[in-house]
Amino acid sequence: MTCDAPAPAASPAESAWRSHGPGRRSTRALRVRTSAVLVAATVLAVLLVPPLVQLDQQAVDLAAKLEPPSLRHPFGTDDVGRDLLLRCVYGLRVSLLVGVAAAVTATVVGTAVGAAAGALGGWVDRALMRVVDTFSSVPHLLLGIFVVAMFRPGVWPVVISVALTHWLSTARIVRAEVLSLRSRPYIDAAVSGGASRWRVAVRHLLPAVLPQAALAAVLMVPHAMWHESALSFLGLGLPTHTASLGTLIQTARGSLLAGQWWPTLFPGLFLIVPTLAIAGLAGAWRERLHPRHRSELML
């Protein structure tokens, strides 16, 4: 009776080849190109469609309500006869505006807090991190609901709500990066040369963490768009007469129960596809900033 010998363990070179071989590289390149095309199409749609299409996205036509997709209305119409394609483009425009504004605001706040905590250290670091821990202990959606409840429904209350719940991760990332940079020789040289903490932070530490902060902002845009859609779907975000992807899905619930699928499907696709594309591009950027260790291939 014979038994097969166990297969030899793969060498580091073979493991690297499997992880980063031509197939993996081509798949990654295809994913990045697809994401770039989708992001470009999203930007062109929100910038060019409203000025070029001379139609009012709020125009009501009760005779054409809940028409299925056709050549006249490629995405069909909603429950009051408005063209869903145009409504989805306007909704994407609003949701993207909320996402970008919230991401930029949260990144600025998080970068300032993280840089101050890492550069100053001591009691400042401990106090700021306790603030971060306090905000982190509250569920994001619950805190967002509390913030929007303090204002009248509108775009900027939603932006403030999303920004206040999304700056925490950026603060932690920037603080960790600053702490690692403080041990670099050129920082020690600047301190030995008489540079103050403020000068070191502004001239050396802050420029070094800006790529990380910019990446955090891009990664935050899809999350902020989903957060706005969740608040609007619950009726706590934007008012229903404002076309955002969340409000379009929220107002289409009754149509879906009645068997009309298109008022829910197309706004959902306009939410899913651009956010996945932005996340794909951000992931490729993150790989360039933090390349994985690749072993040399022994050919």
C-alpha atoms as a PDB file:
ATOM      1  CA  MET A   1       0.000   0.000   0.000  1.00  0.00           C
ATOM      2  CA  THR A   2       1.450   3.314  -1.040  1.00  0.00           C
ATOM      3  CA  CYS A   3       0.574   6.807  -0.002  1.00  0.00           C
ATOM      4  CA  ASP A   4       1.179   9.981  -1.912  1.00  0.00           C
ATOM      5  CA  ALA A   5       3.912  12.210  -0.630  1.00  0.00           C
ATOM      6  CA  PRO A   6       2.694  15.591   0.622  1.00  0.00           C
ATOM      7  CA  ALA A   7       2.989  18.402  -1.887  1.00  0.00           C
ATOM      8  CA  PRO A   8       5.965  20.660  -1.187  1.00  0.00           C
ATOM      9  CA  ALA A   9       5.171  24.048   0.281  1.00  0.00           C
ATOM     10  CA  ALA A  10       5.178  26.906  -2.182  1.00  0.00           C
ATOM     11  CA  SER A  11       8.271  29.060  -2.131  1.00  0.00           C
ATOM     12  CA  PRO A  12       8.008  32.804  -1.501  1.00  0.00           C
ATOM     13  CA  ALA A  13       8.659  33.425  -5.197  1.00  0.00           C
ATOM     14  CA  GLU A  14       5.828  31.071  -6.211  1.00  0.00           C
ATOM     15  CA  SER A  15       3.455  32.705  -3.698  1.00  0.00           C
ATOM     16  CA  ALA A  16       4.321  36.149  -5.057  1.00  0.00           C
ATOM     17  CA  TRP A  17       3.770  34.915  -8.608  1.00  0.00           C
ATOM     18  CA  ARG A  18       0.338  33.559  -7.696  1.00  0.00           C
ATOM     19  CA  SER A  19      -0.620  36.768  -5.880  1.00  0.00           C
ATOM     20  CA  HIS A  20       0.756  39.242  -8.416  1.00  0.00           C
ATOM     21  CA  GLY A  21       1.006  37.234 -11.638  1.00  0.00           C
ATOM     22  CA  PRO A  22      -0.225  38.372 -15.055  1.00  0.00           C
ATOM     23  CA  GLY A  23      -3.792  37.189 -14.399  1.00  0.00           C
ATOM     24  CA  ARG A  24      -4.128  39.138 -11.163  1.00  0.00           C
ATOM     25  CA  ARG A  25      -2.520  42.234 -12.673  1.00  0.00           C
ATOM     26  CA  SER A  26      -4.793  42.175 -15.731  1.00  0.00           C
ATOM     27  CA  THR A  27      -7.879  41.714 -13.541  1.00  0.00           C
ATOM     28  CA  ARG A  28      -6.819  44.622 -11.322  1.00  0.00           C
ATOM     29  CA  ALA A  29      -6.122  46.824 -14.351  1.00  0.00           C
ATOM     30  CA  LEU A  30      -9.529  45.989 -15.843  1.00  0.00           C
ATOM     31  CA  ARG A  31     -11.231  46.827 -12.551  1.00  0.00           C
ATOM     32  CA  VAL A  32      -9.440  50.168 -12.345  1.00  0.00           C
ATOM     33  CA  ARG A  33     -10.260  51.064 -15.961  1.00  0.00           C
ATOM     34  CA  THR A  34     -13.910  50.136 -15.476  1.00  0.00           C
ATOM     35  CA  SER A  35     -14.100  52.213 -12.303  1.00  0.00           C
ATOM     36  CA  ALA A  36     -12.476  55.172 -14.062  1.00  0.00           C
ATOM     37  CA  VAL A  37     -14.956  54.985 -16.961  1.00  0.00           C
ATOM     38  CA  LEU A  38     -17.926  54.801 -14.580  1.00  0.00           C
ATOM     39  CA  VAL A  39     -16.667  57.729 -12.497  1.00  0.00           C
ATOM     40  CA  ALA A  40     -16.098  59.791 -15.661  1.00  0.00           C
ATOM     41  CA  ALA A  41     -19.598  58.916 -16.896  1.00  0.00           C
ATOM     42  CA  THR A  42     -21.034  59.935 -13.520  1.00  0.00           C
ATOM     43  CA  VAL A  43     -19.274  63.304 -13.594  1.00  0.00           C
ATOM     44  CA  LEU A  44     -20.326  63.984 -17.190  1.00  0.00           C
ATOM     45  CA  ALA A  45     -23.916  63.015 -16.427  1.00  0.00           C
ATOM     46  CA  VAL A  46     -24.311  65.322 -13.442  1.00  0.00           C
ATOM     47  CA  LEU A  47     -22.559  68.198 -15.240  1.00  0.00           C
ATOM     48  CA  LEU A  48     -23.920  67.964 -18.793  1.00  0.00           C
ATOM     49  CA  VAL A  49     -27.334  66.300 -18.715  1.00  0.00           C
ATOM     50  CA  PRO A  50     -29.274  69.042 -16.835  1.00  0.00           C
ATOM     51  CA  PRO A  51     -28.076  71.899 -19.102  1.00  0.00           C
ATOM     52  CA  LEU A  52     -28.415  69.901 -22.344  1.00  0.00           C
ATOM     53  CA  VAL A  53     -31.796  68.292 -21.684  1.00  0.00           C
ATOM     54  CA  GLN A  54     -34.310  71.099 -21.749  1.00  0.00           C
ATOM     55  CA  LEU A  55     -36.849  69.332 -19.549  1.00  0.00           C
ATOM     56  CA  ASP A  56     -38.136  70.126 -16.107  1.00  0.00           C
ATOM     57  CA  GLN A  57     -37.446  67.169 -13.809  1.00  0.00           C
ATOM     58  CA  GLN A  58     -40.329  68.353 -11.611  1.00  0.00           C
ATOM     59  CA  ALA A  59     -42.836  68.456 -14.507  1.00  0.00           C
ATOM     60  CA  VAL A  60     -45.926  66.431 -13.568  1.00  0.00           C
ATOM     61  CA  ASP A  61     -47.845  64.451 -16.202  1.00  0.00           C
ATOM     62  CA  LEU A  62     -50.561  62.407 -14.514  1.00  0.00           C
ATOM     63  CA  ALA A  63     -51.585  60.899 -17.853  1.00  0.00           C
ATOM     64  CA  ALA A  64     -48.170  59.222 -18.070  1.00  0.00           C
ATOM     65  CA  LYS A  65     -47.760  58.120 -14.460  1.00  0.00           C
ATOM     66  CA  LEU A  66     -45.958  54.842 -13.736  1.00  0.00           C
ATOM     67  CA  GLU A  67     -45.208  54.115 -17.383  1.00  0.00           C
ATOM     68  CA  PRO A  68     -42.701  51.253 -17.786  1.00  0.00           C
ATOM     69  CA  PRO A  69     -39.347  51.876 -19.517  1.00  0.00           C
ATOM     70  CA  SER A  70     -39.772  52.829 -23.171  1.00  0.00           C
ATOM     71  CA  LEU A  71     -38.022  54.800 -25.906  1.00  0.00           C
ATOM     72  CA  ARG A  72     -39.746  57.979 -24.723  1.00  0.00           C
ATOM     73  CA  HIS A  73     -38.868  57.334 -21.065  1.00  0.00           C
ATOM     74  CA  PRO A  74     -35.877  54.929 -20.898  1.00  0.00           C
ATOM     75  CA  PHE A  75     -36.255  54.500 -17.124  1.00  0.00           C
ATOM     76  CA  GLY A  76     -40.042  54.871 -17.082  1.00  0.00           C
ATOM     77  CA  THR A  77     -41.956  57.436 -15.022  1.00  0.00           C
ATOM     78  CA  ASP A  78     -42.785  57.810 -11.343  1.00  0.00           C
ATOM     79  CA  ASP A  79     -46.144  57.963  -9.585  1.00  0.00           C
ATOM     80  CA  VAL A  80     -46.896  61.479 -10.905  1.00  0.00           C
ATOM     81  CA  GLY A  81     -45.545  61.009 -14.419  1.00  0.00           C
ATOM     82  CA  ARG A  82     -42.073  62.539 -14.030  1.00  0.00           C
ATOM     83  CA  ASP A  83     -39.265  61.142 -16.187  1.00  0.00           C
ATOM     84  CA  LEU A  84     -37.183  58.817 -13.997  1.00  0.00           C
ATOM     85  CA  LEU A  85     -33.975  59.131 -16.029  1.00  0.00           C
ATOM     86  CA  LEU A  86     -33.843  62.862 -15.482  1.00  0.00           C
ATOM     87  CA  ARG A  87     -34.901  62.460 -11.840  1.00  0.00           C
ATOM     88  CA  CYS A  88     -32.133  59.914 -11.256  1.00  0.00           C
ATOM     89  CA  VAL A  89     -29.520  62.231 -12.771  1.00  0.00           C
ATOM     90  CA  TYR A  90     -30.665  65.108 -10.571  1.00  0.00           C
ATOM     91  CA  GLY A  91     -30.809  62.768  -7.576  1.00  0.00           C
ATOM     92  CA  LEU A  92     -27.269  61.567  -8.242  1.00  0.00           C
ATOM     93  CA  ARG A  93     -26.185  65.191  -8.514  1.00  0.00           C
ATOM     94  CA  VAL A  94     -27.605  66.029  -5.080  1.00  0.00           C
ATOM     95  CA  SER A  95     -26.342  62.848  -3.419  1.00  0.00           C
ATOM     96  CA  LEU A  96     -22.860  63.361  -4.879  1.00  0.00           C
ATOM     97  CA  LEU A  97     -22.843  66.979  -3.683  1.00  0.00           C
ATOM     98  CA  VAL A  98     -23.782  65.849  -0.174  1.00  0.00           C
ATOM     99  CA  GLY A  99     -21.177  63.085  -0.248  1.00  0.00           C
ATOM    100  CA  VAL A 100     -18.314  65.289  -1.445  1.00  0.00           C
ATOM    101  CA  ALA A 101     -19.175  68.175   0.901  1.00  0.00           C
ATOM    102  CA  ALA A 102     -19.481  65.849   3.902  1.00  0.00           C
ATOM    103  CA  ALA A 103     -16.270  63.997   3.014  1.00  0.00           C
ATOM    104  CA  VAL A 104     -14.263  67.209   2.640  1.00  0.00           C
ATOM    105  CA  THR A 105     -15.635  68.645   5.886  1.00  0.00           C
ATOM    106  CA  ALA A 106     -14.988  65.426   7.816  1.00  0.00           C
ATOM    107  CA  THR A 107     -11.473  65.131   6.372  1.00  0.00           C
ATOM    108  CA  VAL A 108     -10.555  68.689   7.361  1.00  0.00           C
ATOM    109  CA  VAL A 109     -11.826  68.137  10.919  1.00  0.00           C
ATOM    110  CA  GLY A 110     -10.223  64.705  11.228  1.00  0.00           C
ATOM    111  CA  THR A 111      -6.883  65.861   9.819  1.00  0.00           C
ATOM    112  CA  ALA A 112      -6.753  68.842  12.172  1.00  0.00           C
ATOM    113  CA  VAL A 113      -7.587  66.716  15.235  1.00  0.00           C
ATOM    114  CA  GLY A 114      -5.248  63.865  14.292  1.00  0.00           C
ATOM    115  CA  ALA A 115      -2.342  66.157  13.416  1.00  0.00           C
ATOM    116  CA  ALA A 116      -2.736  68.157  16.636  1.00  0.00           C
ATOM    117  CA  ALA A 117      -2.914  64.989  18.752  1.00  0.00           C
ATOM    118  CA  GLY A 118       0.108  63.385  17.121  1.00  0.00           C
ATOM    119  CA  ALA A 119       2.279  66.503  16.898  1.00  0.00           C
ATOM    120  CA  LEU A 120       1.615  67.974  20.339  1.00  0.00           C
ATOM    121  CA  GLY A 121       1.292  64.733  22.317  1.00  0.00           C
ATOM    122  CA  GLY A 122       0.907  64.737  26.085  1.00  0.00           C
ATOM    123  CA  TRP A 123      -2.377  65.891  27.577  1.00  0.00           C
ATOM    124  CA  VAL A 124      -3.548  67.314  24.223  1.00  0.00           C
ATOM    125  CA  ASP A 125      -3.239  63.881  22.642  1.00  0.00           C
ATOM    126  CA  ARG A 126      -5.047  62.189  25.525  1.00  0.00           C
ATOM    127  CA  ALA A 127      -7.867  64.744  25.572  1.00  0.00           C
ATOM    128  CA  LEU A 128      -8.464  64.635  21.806  1.00  0.00           C
ATOM    129  CA  MET A 129      -8.421  60.838  21.721  1.00  0.00           C
ATOM    130  CA  ARG A 130     -10.996  60.722  24.520  1.00  0.00           C
ATOM    131  CA  VAL A 131     -13.223  62.942  22.376  1.00  0.00           C
ATOM    132  CA  VAL A 132     -12.733  60.541  19.466  1.00  0.00           C
ATOM    133  CA  ASP A 133     -13.566  57.557  21.687  1.00  0.00           C
ATOM    134  CA  THR A 134     -16.692  59.313  22.956  1.00  0.00           C
ATOM    135  CA  PHE A 135     -18.012  59.979  19.457  1.00  0.00           C
ATOM    136  CA  SER A 136     -17.081  56.433  18.388  1.00  0.00           C
ATOM    137  CA  SER A 137     -19.164  54.923  21.193  1.00  0.00           C
ATOM    138  CA  VAL A 138     -22.372  56.337  19.673  1.00  0.00           C
ATOM    139  CA  PRO A 139     -23.781  54.524  16.584  1.00  0.00           C
ATOM    140  CA  HIS A 140     -23.306  56.666  13.476  1.00  0.00           C
ATOM    141  CA  LEU A 141     -26.895  56.472  12.314  1.00  0.00           C
ATOM    142  CA  LEU A 142     -28.245  57.349  15.757  1.00  0.00           C
ATOM    143  CA  LEU A 143     -25.929  60.358  16.039  1.00  0.00           C
ATOM    144  CA  GLY A 144     -26.848  61.409  12.502  1.00  0.00           C
ATOM    145  CA  ILE A 145     -30.559  61.251  13.317  1.00  0.00           C
ATOM    146  CA  PHE A 146     -29.976  63.356  16.430  1.00  0.00           C
ATOM    147  CA  VAL A 147     -28.105  66.024  14.441  1.00  0.00           C
ATOM    148  CA  VAL A 148     -30.623  66.332  11.586  1.00  0.00           C
ATOM    149  CA  ALA A 149     -33.464  66.486  14.130  1.00  0.00           C
ATOM    150  CA  MET A 150     -32.014  69.774  15.389  1.00  0.00           C
ATOM    151  CA  PHE A 151     -32.439  71.501  11.997  1.00  0.00           C
ATOM    152  CA  ARG A 152     -35.054  71.909   9.314  1.00  0.00           C
ATOM    153  CA  PRO A 153     -34.767  69.314   6.505  1.00  0.00           C
ATOM    154  CA  GLY A 154     -32.233  70.388   3.899  1.00  0.00           C
ATOM    155  CA  VAL A 155     -28.885  69.667   2.277  1.00  0.00           C
ATOM    156  CA  TRP A 156     -26.582  71.300   4.821  1.00  0.00           C
ATOM    157  CA  PRO A 157     -28.047  69.662   7.940  1.00  0.00           C
ATOM    158  CA  VAL A 158     -27.409  66.307   6.250  1.00  0.00           C
ATOM    159  CA  VAL A 159     -23.861  67.384   5.341  1.00  0.00           C
ATOM    160  CA  ILE A 160     -23.187  68.406   8.954  1.00  0.00           C
ATOM    161  CA  SER A 161     -24.717  65.170  10.233  1.00  0.00           C
ATOM    162  CA  VAL A 162     -22.591  62.956   7.973  1.00  0.00           C
ATOM    163  CA  ALA A 163     -19.420  64.980   8.594  1.00  0.00           C
ATOM    164  CA  LEU A 164     -19.797  64.794  12.389  1.00  0.00           C
ATOM    165  CA  THR A 165     -20.054  60.992  12.236  1.00  0.00           C
ATOM    166  CA  HIS A 166     -17.232  60.326   9.725  1.00  0.00           C
ATOM    167  CA  TRP A 167     -14.190  62.338  10.859  1.00  0.00           C
ATOM    168  CA  LEU A 168     -13.144  59.831  13.531  1.00  0.00           C
ATOM    169  CA  SER A 169     -11.342  57.314  11.326  1.00  0.00           C
ATOM    170  CA  THR A 170      -9.437  60.109   9.567  1.00  0.00           C
ATOM    171  CA  ALA A 171      -8.304  61.495  12.921  1.00  0.00           C
ATOM    172  CA  ARG A 172      -6.969  58.102  13.994  1.00  0.00           C
ATOM    173  CA  ILE A 173      -5.196  57.500  10.672  1.00  0.00           C
ATOM    174  CA  VAL A 174      -3.550  60.941  10.638  1.00  0.00           C
ATOM    175  CA  ARG A 175      -2.513  60.652  14.290  1.00  0.00           C
ATOM    176  CA  ALA A 176      -0.877  57.257  13.683  1.00  0.00           C
ATOM    177  CA  GLU A 177       0.951  58.611  10.628  1.00  0.00           C
ATOM    178  CA  VAL A 178       2.175  61.678  12.531  1.00  0.00           C
ATOM    179  CA  LEU A 179       3.418  59.523  15.418  1.00  0.00           C
ATOM    180  CA  SER A 180       5.411  57.389  12.977  1.00  0.00           C
ATOM    181  CA  LEU A 181       6.826  60.471  11.259  1.00  0.00           C
ATOM    182  CA  ARG A 182       7.985  62.030  14.522  1.00  0.00           C
ATOM    183  CA  SER A 183      10.686  59.371  14.833  1.00  0.00           C
ATOM    184  CA  ARG A 184      12.195  60.110  11.415  1.00  0.00           C
ATOM    185  CA  PRO A 185      15.744  61.559  11.324  1.00  0.00           C
ATOM    186  CA  TYR A 186      14.756  64.710   9.450  1.00  0.00           C
ATOM    187  CA  ILE A 187      12.202  65.553  12.156  1.00  0.00           C
ATOM    188  CA  ASP A 188      14.884  65.108  14.838  1.00  0.00           C
ATOM    189  CA  ALA A 189      17.178  67.338  12.783  1.00  0.00           C
ATOM    190  CA  ALA A 190      14.526  70.053  12.532  1.00  0.00           C
ATOM    191  CA  VAL A 191      13.877  69.935  16.295  1.00  0.00           C
ATOM    192  CA  SER A 192      17.617  70.004  17.029  1.00  0.00           C
ATOM    193  CA  GLY A 193      17.934  73.026  14.756  1.00  0.00           C
ATOM    194  CA  GLY A 194      15.539  74.981  16.977  1.00  0.00           C
ATOM    195  CA  ALA A 195      12.281  74.551  15.042  1.00  0.00           C
ATOM    196  CA  SER A 196       9.184  74.891  17.207  1.00  0.00           C
ATOM    197  CA  ARG A 197       6.500  72.208  17.397  1.00  0.00           C
ATOM    198  CA  TRP A 198       4.180  74.408  15.352  1.00  0.00           C
ATOM    199  CA  ARG A 199       6.769  74.882  12.609  1.00  0.00           C
ATOM    200  CA  VAL A 200       7.576  71.159  12.517  1.00  0.00           C
ATOM    201  CA  ALA A 201       3.887  70.307  12.308  1.00  0.00           C
ATOM    202  CA  VAL A 202       3.108  72.812   9.543  1.00  0.00           C
ATOM    203  CA  ARG A 203       6.295  72.495   7.467  1.00  0.00           C
ATOM    204  CA  HIS A 204       7.048  68.767   7.806  1.00  0.00           C
ATOM    205  CA  LEU A 205       4.304  66.665   9.362  1.00  0.00           C
ATOM    206  CA  LEU A 206       1.178  68.085   7.736  1.00  0.00           C
ATOM    207  CA  PRO A 207       2.443  67.900   4.110  1.00  0.00           C
ATOM    208  CA  ALA A 208       3.503  64.295   4.722  1.00  0.00           C
ATOM    209  CA  VAL A 209       0.022  63.209   5.820  1.00  0.00           C
ATOM    210  CA  LEU A 210      -1.937  65.062   3.117  1.00  0.00           C
ATOM    211  CA  PRO A 211      -1.929  62.075   0.692  1.00  0.00           C
ATOM    212  CA  GLN A 212      -3.402  59.909   3.458  1.00  0.00           C
ATOM    213  CA  ALA A 213      -6.023  62.549   4.227  1.00  0.00           C
ATOM    214  CA  ALA A 214      -6.941  62.917   0.539  1.00  0.00           C
ATOM    215  CA  LEU A 215      -7.321  59.137   0.213  1.00  0.00           C
ATOM    216  CA  ALA A 216      -9.530  59.096   3.315  1.00  0.00           C
ATOM    217  CA  ALA A 217     -11.723  61.801   1.754  1.00  0.00           C
ATOM    218  CA  VAL A 218     -12.183  59.839  -1.487  1.00  0.00           C
ATOM    219  CA  LEU A 219     -12.986  56.636   0.411  1.00  0.00           C
ATOM    220  CA  MET A 220     -15.494  58.580   2.508  1.00  0.00           C
ATOM    221  CA  VAL A 221     -17.556  59.853  -0.448  1.00  0.00           C
ATOM    222  CA  PRO A 222     -19.399  56.536  -1.130  1.00  0.00           C
ATOM    223  CA  HIS A 223     -19.995  56.019   2.594  1.00  0.00           C
ATOM    224  CA  ALA A 224     -21.391  59.548   2.918  1.00  0.00           C
ATOM    225  CA  MET A 225     -23.694  59.027  -0.073  1.00  0.00           C
ATOM    226  CA  TRP A 226     -25.094  55.852   1.485  1.00  0.00           C
ATOM    227  CA  HIS A 227     -25.498  57.622   4.821  1.00  0.00           C
ATOM    228  CA  GLU A 228     -27.479  60.432   3.185  1.00  0.00           C
ATOM    229  CA  SER A 229     -29.618  57.890   1.322  1.00  0.00           C
ATOM    230  CA  ALA A 230     -30.353  56.032   4.562  1.00  0.00           C
ATOM    231  CA  LEU A 231     -31.423  59.233   6.332  1.00  0.00           C
ATOM    232  CA  SER A 232     -33.559  60.330   3.382  1.00  0.00           C
ATOM    233  CA  PHE A 233     -35.115  56.865   3.072  1.00  0.00           C
ATOM    234  CA  LEU A 234     -36.127  57.079   6.725  1.00  0.00           C
ATOM    235  CA  GLY A 235     -37.693  60.479   6.050  1.00  0.00           C
ATOM    236  CA  LEU A 236     -35.114  62.284   8.217  1.00  0.00           C
ATOM    237  CA  GLY A 237     -32.764  63.669   5.567  1.00  0.00           C
ATOM    238  CA  LEU A 238     -33.693  65.724   2.539  1.00  0.00           C
ATOM    239  CA  PRO A 239     -37.317  66.782   1.964  1.00  0.00           C
ATOM    240  CA  THR A 240     -39.272  64.558  -0.408  1.00  0.00           C
ATOM    241  CA  HIS A 241     -39.600  67.274  -3.059  1.00  0.00           C
ATOM    242  CA  THR A 242     -35.774  67.368  -3.375  1.00  0.00           C
ATOM    243  CA  ALA A 243     -34.569  64.748  -5.831  1.00  0.00           C
ATOM    244  CA  SER A 244     -31.853  62.690  -4.163  1.00  0.00           C
ATOM    245  CA  LEU A 245     -31.308  58.980  -4.585  1.00  0.00           C
ATOM    246  CA  GLY A 246     -32.532  58.360  -1.042  1.00  0.00           C
ATOM    247  CA  THR A 247     -35.756  60.326  -1.507  1.00  0.00           C
ATOM    248  CA  LEU A 248     -36.417  58.672  -4.890  1.00  0.00           C
ATOM    249  CA  ILE A 249     -36.168  55.212  -3.305  1.00  0.00           C
ATOM    250  CA  GLN A 250     -38.240  56.326  -0.326  1.00  0.00           C
ATOM    251  CA  THR A 251     -41.100  57.658  -2.474  1.00  0.00           C
ATOM    252  CA  ALA A 252     -41.055  54.527  -4.680  1.00  0.00           C
ATOM    253  CA  ARG A 253     -41.871  52.053  -1.892  1.00  0.00           C
ATOM    254  CA  GLY A 254     -45.585  52.089  -2.603  1.00  0.00           C
ATOM    255  CA  SER A 255     -45.012  51.514  -6.324  1.00  0.00           C
ATOM    256  CA  LEU A 256     -42.794  48.515  -5.591  1.00  0.00           C
ATOM    257  CA  LEU A 257     -45.508  46.898  -3.466  1.00  0.00           C
ATOM    258  CA  ALA A 258     -47.941  47.421  -6.351  1.00  0.00           C
ATOM    259  CA  GLY A 259     -45.623  45.614  -8.797  1.00  0.00           C
ATOM    260  CA  GLN A 260     -43.955  48.606 -10.480  1.00  0.00           C
ATOM    261  CA  TRP A 261     -40.239  47.785 -10.088  1.00  0.00           C
ATOM    262  CA  TRP A 262     -38.597  50.526 -12.163  1.00  0.00           C
ATOM    263  CA  PRO A 263     -39.078  53.489  -9.747  1.00  0.00           C
ATOM    264  CA  THR A 264     -36.985  51.573  -7.184  1.00  0.00           C
ATOM    265  CA  LEU A 265     -34.518  49.703  -9.392  1.00  0.00           C
ATOM    266  CA  PHE A 266     -32.998  52.585 -11.343  1.00  0.00           C
ATOM    267  CA  PRO A 267     -32.368  54.958  -8.397  1.00  0.00           C
ATOM    268  CA  GLY A 268     -30.845  51.968  -6.578  1.00  0.00           C
ATOM    269  CA  LEU A 269     -28.506  51.291  -9.515  1.00  0.00           C
ATOM    270  CA  PHE A 270     -27.565  54.979  -9.669  1.00  0.00           C
ATOM    271  CA  LEU A 271     -26.586  54.699  -6.011  1.00  0.00           C
ATOM    272  CA  ILE A 272     -24.742  51.368  -6.166  1.00  0.00           C
ATOM    273  CA  VAL A 273     -22.749  51.668  -9.396  1.00  0.00           C
ATOM    274  CA  PRO A 274     -21.094  55.114  -8.875  1.00  0.00           C
ATOM    275  CA  THR A 275     -20.263  54.375  -5.240  1.00  0.00           C
ATOM    276  CA  LEU A 276     -18.633  51.058  -6.181  1.00  0.00           C
ATOM    277  CA  ALA A 277     -16.703  52.817  -8.960  1.00  0.00           C
ATOM    278  CA  ILE A 278     -15.412  55.527  -6.606  1.00  0.00           C
ATOM    279  CA  ALA A 279     -14.465  52.881  -4.052  1.00  0.00           C
ATOM    280  CA  GLY A 280     -12.626  50.924  -6.772  1.00  0.00           C
ATOM    281  CA  LEU A 281     -10.551  53.931  -7.806  1.00  0.00           C
ATOM    282  CA  ALA A 282      -9.806  54.755  -4.179  1.00  0.00           C
ATOM    283  CA  GLY A 283      -8.717  51.170  -3.583  1.00  0.00           C
ATOM    284  CA  ALA A 284      -6.275  51.373  -6.489  1.00  0.00           C
ATOM    285  CA  TRP A 285      -4.918  54.639  -5.083  1.00  0.00           C
ATOM    286  CA  ARG A 286      -4.502  52.994  -1.678  1.00  0.00           C
ATOM    287  CA  GLU A 287      -2.507  50.163  -3.260  1.00  0.00           C
ATOM    288  CA  ARG A 288      -0.181  52.708  -4.851  1.00  0.00           C
ATOM    289  CA  LEU A 289       0.310  54.524  -1.544  1.00  0.00           C
ATOM    290  CA  HIS A 290       0.840  51.260   0.388  1.00  0.00           C
ATOM    291  CA  PRO A 291       2.170  48.674  -2.081  1.00  0.00           C
ATOM    292  CA  ARG A 292       2.230  45.168  -0.776  1.00  0.00           C
ATOM    293  CA  HIS A 293       5.562  43.539  -0.216  1.00  0.00           C
ATOM    294  CA  ARG A 294       6.507  41.653  -3.360  1.00  0.00           C
ATOM    295  CA  SER A 295       9.177  39.003  -3.315  1.00  0.00           C
ATOM    296  CA  GLU A 296      11.618  38.851  -6.176  1.00  0.00           C
ATOM    297  CA  LEU A 297      10.668  36.290  -8.783  1.00  0.00           C
ATOM    298  CA  MET A 298      13.443  33.809  -9.497  1.00  0.00           C
ATOM    299  CA  LEU A 299      13.109  33.305 -13.244  1.00  0.00           C
END
